[in-house]
N, C-alpha and C. Protein backbone atom coordinates (compact mmCIF):
# COMPACT_ATOMS: atom_id res chain seq x y z
N ARG A 1 -27.89 -26.71 5.17
CA ARG A 1 -26.56 -26.02 5.05
C ARG A 1 -26.99 -24.86 5.60
N ASN A 2 -26.03 -24.33 6.38
CA ASN A 2 -26.37 -22.83 7.17
C ASN A 2 -25.49 -21.83 6.38
N PRO A 3 -26.06 -20.66 5.98
CA PRO A 3 -25.35 -19.83 5.23
C PRO A 3 -24.07 -19.12 6.40
N LYS A 4 -23.03 -18.97 5.86
CA LYS A 4 -22.00 -17.88 6.53
C LYS A 4 -22.49 -16.86 6.79
N PRO A 5 -22.36 -16.30 7.89
CA PRO A 5 -23.04 -14.70 8.22
C PRO A 5 -22.00 -13.74 7.66
N ILE A 6 -22.54 -12.79 7.01
CA ILE A 6 -21.68 -11.70 6.06
C ILE A 6 -21.38 -10.61 7.15
N LYS A 7 -20.02 -10.38 6.87
CA LYS A 7 -19.61 -9.59 7.92
C LYS A 7 -19.11 -8.22 7.02
N MET A 8 -19.78 -7.00 7.38
CA MET A 8 -19.77 -5.87 6.83
C MET A 8 -18.52 -5.10 7.02
N ASN A 9 -17.68 -4.22 5.94
CA ASN A 9 -16.71 -3.68 6.32
C ASN A 9 -17.05 -2.50 6.48
N LEU A 10 -17.28 -1.75 7.88
CA LEU A 10 -17.74 -0.48 7.82
C LEU A 10 -16.71 0.44 7.28
N GLU A 11 -15.67 0.41 7.55
CA GLU A 11 -14.63 1.16 6.73
C GLU A 11 -14.69 1.68 5.26
N SER A 12 -15.19 0.52 4.76
CA SER A 12 -15.41 0.77 3.07
C SER A 12 -16.67 0.89 2.69
N SER A 13 -17.82 0.79 3.51
CA SER A 13 -19.14 0.91 2.88
C SER A 13 -20.02 1.23 4.04
N ASN A 14 -21.21 1.83 3.41
CA ASN A 14 -22.08 2.37 3.96
C ASN A 14 -23.46 1.68 3.85
N GLY A 15 -23.45 0.38 3.24
CA GLY A 15 -24.33 -0.99 3.16
C GLY A 15 -24.98 -1.11 4.51
N ASN A 16 -26.59 -0.88 4.42
CA ASN A 16 -27.11 -1.29 5.42
C ASN A 16 -26.97 -0.41 6.76
N LEU A 17 -26.45 0.71 6.85
CA LEU A 17 -25.87 1.83 7.49
C LEU A 17 -27.27 2.98 7.40
N TYR A 18 -27.77 3.03 8.66
CA TYR A 18 -28.84 4.29 8.89
C TYR A 18 -28.50 5.17 9.49
N ASN A 19 -29.00 6.57 9.40
CA ASN A 19 -28.56 7.70 10.23
C ASN A 19 -29.56 7.78 11.03
N ASN A 20 -29.51 6.97 12.28
CA ASN A 20 -30.23 7.08 13.30
C ASN A 20 -29.41 6.42 14.36
N ALA A 21 -29.67 6.31 15.73
CA ALA A 21 -29.25 6.09 16.67
C ALA A 21 -28.94 4.67 16.66
N ASP A 22 -30.17 3.90 16.65
CA ASP A 22 -30.15 2.32 16.91
C ASP A 22 -28.84 1.81 15.77
N SER A 23 -28.84 2.21 14.63
CA SER A 23 -27.81 1.57 13.85
C SER A 23 -26.50 2.25 14.21
N PHE A 24 -26.57 3.21 14.49
CA PHE A 24 -24.87 3.74 15.43
C PHE A 24 -24.70 2.86 16.67
N ALA A 25 -25.72 2.57 17.26
CA ALA A 25 -25.37 1.51 18.38
C ALA A 25 -24.62 0.38 17.81
N MET A 26 -25.42 -0.22 17.12
CA MET A 26 -24.98 -1.41 16.70
C MET A 26 -23.90 -1.51 15.95
N ALA A 27 -23.49 -0.35 15.26
CA ALA A 27 -22.30 -0.51 14.80
C ALA A 27 -20.83 -0.01 15.66
N PHE A 28 -21.41 0.72 16.72
CA PHE A 28 -20.22 1.03 17.59
C PHE A 28 -20.00 -0.52 18.16
N ASP A 29 -20.98 -1.04 19.09
CA ASP A 29 -20.82 -2.11 19.60
C ASP A 29 -19.92 -3.13 18.76
N ASP A 30 -19.96 -3.54 17.84
CA ASP A 30 -19.63 -4.46 16.79
C ASP A 30 -18.09 -3.61 16.60
N ALA A 31 -17.57 -2.53 16.51
CA ALA A 31 -16.45 -1.79 16.22
C ALA A 31 -15.76 -2.29 17.59
N TRP A 32 -16.59 -1.42 18.53
CA TRP A 32 -15.78 -1.91 20.05
C TRP A 32 -15.34 -3.25 20.20
N LYS A 33 -15.84 -4.02 20.11
CA LYS A 33 -15.76 -5.79 20.39
C LYS A 33 -14.46 -5.93 19.18
N SER A 34 -14.55 -5.66 17.97
CA SER A 34 -13.55 -5.76 17.10
C SER A 34 -12.02 -5.31 17.88
N CYS A 35 -11.86 -4.15 18.34
CA CYS A 35 -10.94 -3.48 18.74
C CYS A 35 -10.26 -3.93 19.69
N GLY A 36 -11.16 -4.73 20.60
CA GLY A 36 -10.70 -5.39 22.02
C GLY A 36 -9.74 -4.64 22.96
N LEU A 37 -10.62 -3.55 23.37
CA LEU A 37 -10.33 -2.51 24.29
C LEU A 37 -10.88 -2.53 25.59
N GLU A 38 -11.70 -3.71 25.72
CA GLU A 38 -12.10 -3.60 27.14
C GLU A 38 -11.37 -3.67 28.24
N ASN A 39 -10.21 -4.50 28.15
CA ASN A 39 -9.64 -5.08 29.33
C ASN A 39 -8.31 -4.24 29.27
N ASN A 40 -7.96 -3.12 28.38
CA ASN A 40 -6.87 -2.53 28.37
C ASN A 40 -7.03 -1.03 29.22
N ASN A 41 -6.06 -1.10 30.23
CA ASN A 41 -5.92 -0.17 31.26
C ASN A 41 -5.22 0.83 31.19
N ASP A 42 -4.17 1.07 30.06
CA ASP A 42 -3.40 1.91 29.44
C ASP A 42 -3.96 2.94 28.62
N ILE A 43 -5.02 2.79 28.13
CA ILE A 43 -5.88 3.73 27.29
C ILE A 43 -7.00 4.18 27.93
N ASN A 44 -7.15 5.64 28.16
CA ASN A 44 -8.24 6.14 28.87
C ASN A 44 -9.47 6.08 27.87
N ILE A 45 -10.97 6.41 28.46
CA ILE A 45 -12.04 6.13 27.92
C ILE A 45 -12.00 6.82 26.37
N ASP A 46 -11.86 8.09 26.38
CA ASP A 46 -12.08 9.02 25.26
C ASP A 46 -10.95 8.49 24.48
N GLU A 47 -9.88 8.01 24.57
CA GLU A 47 -8.78 7.26 23.64
C GLU A 47 -9.57 6.02 23.06
N LYS A 48 -10.11 5.03 23.87
CA LYS A 48 -10.94 4.23 23.07
C LYS A 48 -11.97 4.58 22.41
N ILE A 49 -12.86 5.32 22.74
CA ILE A 49 -13.83 5.73 21.65
C ILE A 49 -13.26 6.36 20.50
N LYS A 50 -12.18 7.07 20.61
CA LYS A 50 -11.45 7.58 19.28
C LYS A 50 -10.87 6.76 18.28
N ILE A 51 -10.77 5.42 18.97
CA ILE A 51 -10.15 4.33 18.06
C ILE A 51 -11.34 3.50 17.70
N THR A 52 -12.39 3.60 18.28
CA THR A 52 -13.44 2.78 17.95
C THR A 52 -14.34 3.64 16.84
N PHE A 53 -14.36 4.93 16.82
CA PHE A 53 -15.33 5.80 15.99
C PHE A 53 -13.99 5.65 14.56
N GLU A 54 -12.96 5.68 14.59
CA GLU A 54 -12.10 5.20 13.58
C GLU A 54 -12.66 4.07 12.80
N LYS A 55 -12.82 3.14 13.57
CA LYS A 55 -13.24 1.91 12.37
C LYS A 55 -14.73 2.17 11.95
N ILE A 56 -15.85 3.01 12.23
CA ILE A 56 -17.01 3.40 11.91
C ILE A 56 -17.17 4.83 11.41
N LYS A 57 -15.92 5.64 11.09
CA LYS A 57 -15.98 7.00 10.60
C LYS A 57 -16.97 7.16 9.63
N THR A 58 -17.46 6.18 8.85
CA THR A 58 -18.26 6.50 7.56
C THR A 58 -19.42 6.57 7.73
N HIS A 59 -19.80 5.92 9.21
CA HIS A 59 -21.29 5.98 9.73
C HIS A 59 -22.23 7.32 9.65
N PRO A 60 -23.46 7.34 8.72
CA PRO A 60 -23.99 8.39 8.61
C PRO A 60 -24.39 9.11 9.91
N PHE A 61 -24.82 8.48 11.19
CA PHE A 61 -25.17 8.86 12.24
C PHE A 61 -23.66 9.84 12.89
N LEU A 62 -22.72 9.08 12.86
CA LEU A 62 -21.42 9.70 13.59
C LEU A 62 -21.03 10.98 12.64
N VAL A 63 -21.05 10.97 11.02
CA VAL A 63 -20.68 12.03 10.39
C VAL A 63 -21.62 13.30 10.83
N GLU A 64 -23.07 13.09 10.70
CA GLU A 64 -23.92 13.74 11.09
C GLU A 64 -23.91 14.39 12.59
N ASN A 65 -23.77 13.53 13.30
CA ASN A 65 -24.25 13.85 14.76
C ASN A 65 -22.60 13.86 15.62
N PRO A 66 -21.83 13.92 15.68
CA PRO A 66 -20.72 13.57 16.21
C PRO A 66 -20.56 13.95 17.89
N ILE A 67 -21.51 14.78 18.43
CA ILE A 67 -21.48 15.07 19.80
C ILE A 67 -22.49 13.97 20.36
N GLN A 68 -23.76 13.66 19.51
CA GLN A 68 -24.70 12.88 19.99
C GLN A 68 -24.14 11.41 20.15
N SER A 69 -23.50 11.11 19.06
CA SER A 69 -22.56 9.81 18.75
C SER A 69 -21.77 9.49 19.98
N LYS A 70 -20.82 10.77 20.52
CA LYS A 70 -20.01 10.63 21.74
C LYS A 70 -20.55 10.23 22.81
N ASN A 71 -21.59 11.13 23.00
CA ASN A 71 -22.45 10.78 24.51
C ASN A 71 -23.25 9.51 24.17
N LEU A 72 -23.97 9.00 23.31
CA LEU A 72 -24.19 7.32 22.78
C LEU A 72 -23.35 6.62 23.45
N ALA A 73 -21.94 6.77 22.85
CA ALA A 73 -21.24 5.74 22.79
C ALA A 73 -20.70 5.66 24.31
N LEU A 74 -20.69 6.64 25.03
CA LEU A 74 -20.67 7.11 26.55
C LEU A 74 -21.57 5.69 27.18
N PHE A 75 -23.08 6.35 26.92
CA PHE A 75 -24.07 5.89 27.32
C PHE A 75 -23.79 4.12 27.15
N ARG A 76 -23.50 3.57 26.06
CA ARG A 76 -23.31 2.27 25.88
C ARG A 76 -22.48 1.65 26.61
N ILE A 77 -21.24 2.39 26.72
CA ILE A 77 -19.99 1.72 27.78
C ILE A 77 -20.70 1.50 29.04
N LYS A 78 -21.58 2.40 29.59
CA LYS A 78 -21.94 2.29 31.12
C LYS A 78 -22.82 1.02 30.84
N LEU A 79 -23.67 1.17 30.16
CA LEU A 79 -24.69 0.43 30.16
C LEU A 79 -24.43 -1.24 30.40
N LEU A 80 -23.64 -1.24 29.14
CA LEU A 80 -23.34 -2.63 28.66
C LEU A 80 -22.02 -2.92 29.50
N GLY A 81 -21.41 -2.24 30.38
CA GLY A 81 -20.27 -2.30 31.30
C GLY A 81 -19.26 -2.50 30.20
N LEU A 82 -18.84 -1.92 29.08
CA LEU A 82 -17.82 -2.58 28.55
C LEU A 82 -16.75 -1.70 28.62
N SER A 83 -16.10 -1.00 29.52
CA SER A 83 -14.99 -0.24 30.10
C SER A 83 -14.18 -1.31 30.97
């Protein structure tokens, strides 16, 4: 019997979130996917990032490093072709 994967609610929990770029990148990628913004051309990239950041607003890296978080988000979007 396979256990169900645990989905973390990033909006209400800081469990297993670390104040580093790797933890932030994983949280950002999950939040981006859950927003379903990839193919929405009506919203510019900055607005998409803002919407995504709202889902992970309590992430320690985002709280402590907002400028680096934005740069990392832009890098992830380019790297993974998310836009």
